[in-house]
Amino acid sequence: ESFTADPGHEVVLYTTAWCGYCAKARRFLESNQVEYTEIDIERSEAGRQEYERLGGYGVPLFLIDGRPIFGLDPAAVADALRSPPPVDGEGI
């Protein structure tokens, strides 16, 4: 699925080096020109702890603006990135 991401989202992708779905997740984000931070949970102890705190049970795990999306779900990722990112203090 091709889409245009609204700029300003914070995207973190929790992965492992051997995961085929993680490679697809990287290609999906890159093909849609989404900037993201990748954390290999087998190489980063702090990253693994954060992944576990989020309830991670498999990779990839997307964290978009603080909201987790478990597994490779391009439609959910695209939906999250099409809308404007949350504004600090919004709704207060």
N, C-alpha and C. Protein backbone atom coordinates (compact mmCIF):
# COMPACT_ATOMS: atom_id res chain seq x y z
N GLU A 1 0.86 -1.18 0.00
CA GLU A 1 0.00 0.00 0.00
C GLU A 1 0.89 1.23 0.00
N SER A 2 0.57 2.16 -0.88
CA SER A 2 1.31 3.41 -0.96
C SER A 2 0.46 4.52 -0.35
N PHE A 3 1.10 5.38 0.41
CA PHE A 3 0.37 6.46 1.07
C PHE A 3 1.32 7.62 1.31
N THR A 4 0.76 8.76 1.68
CA THR A 4 1.56 9.91 2.03
C THR A 4 1.41 10.15 3.52
N ALA A 5 2.52 10.08 4.23
CA ALA A 5 2.49 10.28 5.68
C ALA A 5 2.43 11.77 5.99
N ASP A 6 1.62 12.11 6.97
CA ASP A 6 1.61 13.47 7.49
C ASP A 6 2.94 13.66 8.22
N PRO A 7 3.66 14.76 7.96
CA PRO A 7 4.97 14.93 8.60
C PRO A 7 4.85 15.13 10.11
N GLY A 8 5.91 14.80 10.82
CA GLY A 8 5.98 15.09 12.24
C GLY A 8 5.69 13.94 13.17
N HIS A 9 5.40 12.77 12.61
CA HIS A 9 5.14 11.61 13.47
C HIS A 9 6.45 11.08 14.04
N GLU A 10 6.37 10.55 15.25
CA GLU A 10 7.51 9.85 15.85
C GLU A 10 7.28 8.36 15.64
N VAL A 11 8.16 7.74 14.86
CA VAL A 11 8.01 6.33 14.50
C VAL A 11 9.24 5.56 14.97
N VAL A 12 8.99 4.52 15.78
CA VAL A 12 10.05 3.62 16.23
C VAL A 12 9.65 2.22 15.75
N LEU A 13 10.63 1.50 15.20
CA LEU A 13 10.40 0.15 14.72
C LEU A 13 11.31 -0.80 15.50
N TYR A 14 10.69 -1.68 16.29
CA TYR A 14 11.43 -2.69 17.05
C TYR A 14 11.57 -3.93 16.17
N THR A 15 12.81 -4.41 16.00
CA THR A 15 13.09 -5.47 15.05
C THR A 15 14.14 -6.45 15.60
N THR A 16 14.42 -7.47 14.78
CA THR A 16 15.61 -8.31 14.94
C THR A 16 16.24 -8.42 13.55
N ALA A 17 17.52 -8.77 13.51
CA ALA A 17 18.24 -8.85 12.24
C ALA A 17 17.71 -9.98 11.35
N TRP A 18 17.23 -11.07 11.94
CA TRP A 18 16.85 -12.26 11.17
C TRP A 18 15.40 -12.28 10.73
N CYS A 19 14.60 -11.32 11.16
CA CYS A 19 13.15 -11.33 10.94
C CYS A 19 12.78 -10.86 9.52
N GLY A 20 12.17 -11.76 8.75
CA GLY A 20 11.74 -11.41 7.39
C GLY A 20 10.65 -10.35 7.37
N TYR A 21 9.72 -10.42 8.34
CA TYR A 21 8.66 -9.41 8.39
C TYR A 21 9.22 -8.04 8.76
N CYS A 22 10.30 -8.04 9.54
CA CYS A 22 10.96 -6.77 9.88
C CYS A 22 11.55 -6.13 8.63
N ALA A 23 12.15 -6.95 7.76
CA ALA A 23 12.68 -6.44 6.50
C ALA A 23 11.56 -5.84 5.65
N LYS A 24 10.41 -6.51 5.61
CA LYS A 24 9.26 -5.98 4.87
C LYS A 24 8.78 -4.67 5.50
N ALA A 25 8.79 -4.60 6.83
CA ALA A 25 8.37 -3.38 7.53
C ALA A 25 9.30 -2.22 7.17
N ARG A 26 10.61 -2.47 7.15
CA ARG A 26 11.58 -1.44 6.76
C ARG A 26 11.30 -0.95 5.34
N ARG A 27 11.13 -1.91 4.42
CA ARG A 27 10.87 -1.54 3.02
C ARG A 27 9.58 -0.74 2.90
N PHE A 28 8.55 -1.14 3.65
CA PHE A 28 7.28 -0.43 3.62
C PHE A 28 7.45 1.02 4.05
N LEU A 29 8.13 1.23 5.17
CA LEU A 29 8.34 2.60 5.65
C LEU A 29 9.20 3.40 4.67
N GLU A 30 10.28 2.80 4.20
CA GLU A 30 11.20 3.50 3.30
C GLU A 30 10.54 3.81 1.96
N SER A 31 9.74 2.90 1.43
CA SER A 31 9.09 3.14 0.14
C SER A 31 8.06 4.25 0.23
N ASN A 32 7.58 4.52 1.44
CA ASN A 32 6.62 5.61 1.65
C ASN A 32 7.28 6.83 2.28
N GLN A 33 8.62 6.84 2.28
CA GLN A 33 9.42 7.96 2.77
C GLN A 33 9.07 8.38 4.19
N VAL A 34 8.90 7.39 5.05
CA VAL A 34 8.61 7.64 6.46
C VAL A 34 9.93 7.58 7.23
N GLU A 35 10.25 8.64 7.95
CA GLU A 35 11.43 8.64 8.81
C GLU A 35 11.12 7.83 10.06
N TYR A 36 12.07 6.99 10.47
CA TYR A 36 11.84 6.16 11.65
C TYR A 36 13.16 5.84 12.32
N THR A 37 13.05 5.42 13.57
CA THR A 37 14.19 4.93 14.34
C THR A 37 14.02 3.43 14.50
N GLU A 38 15.06 2.68 14.17
CA GLU A 38 14.99 1.23 14.31
C GLU A 38 15.78 0.80 15.54
N ILE A 39 15.16 -0.09 16.33
CA ILE A 39 15.82 -0.63 17.52
C ILE A 39 15.81 -2.15 17.40
N ASP A 40 17.02 -2.74 17.32
CA ASP A 40 17.16 -4.19 17.29
C ASP A 40 17.11 -4.67 18.73
N ILE A 41 16.05 -5.41 19.07
CA ILE A 41 15.84 -5.80 20.47
C ILE A 41 16.82 -6.87 20.93
N GLU A 42 17.59 -7.46 20.01
CA GLU A 42 18.60 -8.43 20.41
C GLU A 42 19.96 -7.76 20.63
N ARG A 43 20.11 -6.54 20.17
CA ARG A 43 21.39 -5.84 20.31
C ARG A 43 21.33 -4.69 21.31
N SER A 44 20.13 -4.26 21.67
CA SER A 44 19.97 -3.14 22.60
C SER A 44 19.19 -3.60 23.83
N GLU A 45 19.86 -3.66 24.98
CA GLU A 45 19.19 -4.09 26.21
C GLU A 45 18.09 -3.08 26.58
N ALA A 46 18.39 -1.80 26.47
CA ALA A 46 17.38 -0.77 26.77
C ALA A 46 16.21 -0.88 25.80
N GLY A 47 16.51 -1.15 24.54
CA GLY A 47 15.46 -1.32 23.54
C GLY A 47 14.59 -2.52 23.84
N ARG A 48 15.21 -3.61 24.27
CA ARG A 48 14.44 -4.81 24.61
C ARG A 48 13.54 -4.56 25.83
N GLN A 49 14.06 -3.84 26.80
CA GLN A 49 13.25 -3.52 27.98
C GLN A 49 12.05 -2.66 27.60
N GLU A 50 12.26 -1.69 26.73
CA GLU A 50 11.14 -0.84 26.28
C GLU A 50 10.12 -1.67 25.50
N TYR A 51 10.61 -2.54 24.64
CA TYR A 51 9.76 -3.44 23.86
C TYR A 51 8.90 -4.31 24.80
N GLU A 52 9.52 -4.86 25.83
CA GLU A 52 8.79 -5.68 26.79
C GLU A 52 7.79 -4.84 27.57
N ARG A 53 8.15 -3.61 27.93
CA ARG A 53 7.24 -2.72 28.66
C ARG A 53 5.99 -2.43 27.82
N LEU A 54 6.17 -2.39 26.49
CA LEU A 54 5.05 -2.13 25.58
C LEU A 54 4.17 -3.36 25.37
N GLY A 55 4.60 -4.51 25.92
CA GLY A 55 3.84 -5.74 25.75
C GLY A 55 4.23 -6.49 24.49
N GLY A 56 5.42 -6.23 23.98
CA GLY A 56 5.88 -6.88 22.77
C GLY A 56 5.92 -8.39 22.92
N TYR A 57 5.43 -9.08 21.90
CA TYR A 57 5.42 -10.54 21.89
C TYR A 57 5.89 -11.09 20.56
N GLY A 58 6.33 -10.24 19.68
CA GLY A 58 6.82 -10.64 18.37
C GLY A 58 7.32 -9.39 17.66
N VAL A 59 8.06 -9.60 16.62
CA VAL A 59 8.55 -8.47 15.83
C VAL A 59 8.02 -8.62 14.41
N PRO A 60 7.84 -7.53 13.70
CA PRO A 60 8.11 -6.15 14.12
C PRO A 60 7.04 -5.60 15.05
N LEU A 61 7.44 -4.58 15.77
CA LEU A 61 6.52 -3.80 16.59
C LEU A 61 6.75 -2.34 16.22
N PHE A 62 5.69 -1.70 15.74
CA PHE A 62 5.74 -0.28 15.42
C PHE A 62 5.28 0.51 16.63
N LEU A 63 5.93 1.61 16.92
CA LEU A 63 5.47 2.54 17.95
C LEU A 63 5.32 3.88 17.24
N ILE A 64 4.09 4.30 17.05
CA ILE A 64 3.80 5.53 16.31
C ILE A 64 3.17 6.52 17.27
N ASP A 65 3.91 7.58 17.53
CA ASP A 65 3.45 8.62 18.47
C ASP A 65 3.06 8.01 19.81
N GLY A 66 3.83 7.01 20.25
CA GLY A 66 3.59 6.39 21.54
C GLY A 66 2.56 5.28 21.55
N ARG A 67 1.96 5.00 20.38
CA ARG A 67 0.92 3.97 20.30
C ARG A 67 1.47 2.74 19.57
N PRO A 68 1.47 1.56 20.21
CA PRO A 68 2.02 0.37 19.57
C PRO A 68 1.09 -0.23 18.51
N ILE A 69 1.70 -0.75 17.46
CA ILE A 69 1.01 -1.56 16.45
C ILE A 69 1.82 -2.84 16.34
N PHE A 70 1.21 -3.95 16.71
CA PHE A 70 1.90 -5.23 16.80
C PHE A 70 1.85 -5.95 15.46
N GLY A 71 3.01 -6.42 15.01
CA GLY A 71 3.10 -7.18 13.77
C GLY A 71 3.13 -6.28 12.55
N LEU A 72 3.25 -6.92 11.38
CA LEU A 72 3.28 -6.19 10.12
C LEU A 72 1.84 -5.98 9.66
N ASP A 73 1.32 -4.78 9.93
CA ASP A 73 -0.05 -4.42 9.58
C ASP A 73 0.01 -3.11 8.79
N PRO A 74 0.33 -3.19 7.48
CA PRO A 74 0.50 -1.97 6.69
C PRO A 74 -0.71 -1.04 6.73
N ALA A 75 -1.92 -1.57 6.74
CA ALA A 75 -3.11 -0.71 6.75
C ALA A 75 -3.18 0.09 8.04
N ALA A 76 -2.91 -0.55 9.19
CA ALA A 76 -2.96 0.17 10.47
C ALA A 76 -1.85 1.22 10.55
N VAL A 77 -0.66 0.88 10.04
CA VAL A 77 0.45 1.83 10.05
C VAL A 77 0.11 3.03 9.16
N ALA A 78 -0.39 2.76 7.96
CA ALA A 78 -0.75 3.84 7.04
C ALA A 78 -1.82 4.73 7.65
N ASP A 79 -2.84 4.13 8.28
CA ASP A 79 -3.90 4.93 8.91
C ASP A 79 -3.33 5.83 9.99
N ALA A 80 -2.41 5.30 10.81
CA ALA A 80 -1.83 6.09 11.89
C ALA A 80 -0.99 7.24 11.35
N LEU A 81 -0.36 7.04 10.20
CA LEU A 81 0.55 8.05 9.66
C LEU A 81 -0.12 9.04 8.72
N ARG A 82 -1.34 8.73 8.26
CA ARG A 82 -2.06 9.66 7.38
C ARG A 82 -2.62 10.86 8.14
N SER A 83 -2.96 10.65 9.39
CA SER A 83 -3.57 11.72 10.18
C SER A 83 -2.45 12.58 10.78
N PRO A 84 -2.78 13.82 11.13
CA PRO A 84 -1.75 14.68 11.76
C PRO A 84 -1.30 14.09 13.08
N PRO A 85 -0.02 14.28 13.41
CA PRO A 85 0.46 13.79 14.71
C PRO A 85 -0.20 14.55 15.85
N PRO A 86 -0.29 13.93 17.03
CA PRO A 86 -0.89 14.64 18.17
C PRO A 86 -0.05 15.84 18.55
N VAL A 87 -0.73 16.84 19.06
CA VAL A 87 -0.06 18.05 19.53
C VAL A 87 0.02 17.99 21.04
N ASP A 88 1.19 18.30 21.61
CA ASP A 88 1.32 18.29 23.06
C ASP A 88 0.29 19.23 23.68
N GLY A 89 -0.41 18.72 24.68
CA GLY A 89 -1.40 19.54 25.35
C GLY A 89 -2.73 19.60 24.65
N GLU A 90 -2.87 18.91 23.50
CA GLU A 90 -4.12 18.94 22.75
C GLU A 90 -5.25 18.34 23.59
N GLY A 91 -6.38 18.99 23.61
CA GLY A 91 -7.53 18.49 24.32
C GLY A 91 -7.57 18.89 25.79
N ILE A 92 -6.62 19.70 26.22
CA ILE A 92 -6.62 20.11 27.63
C ILE A 92 -7.37 21.42 27.77
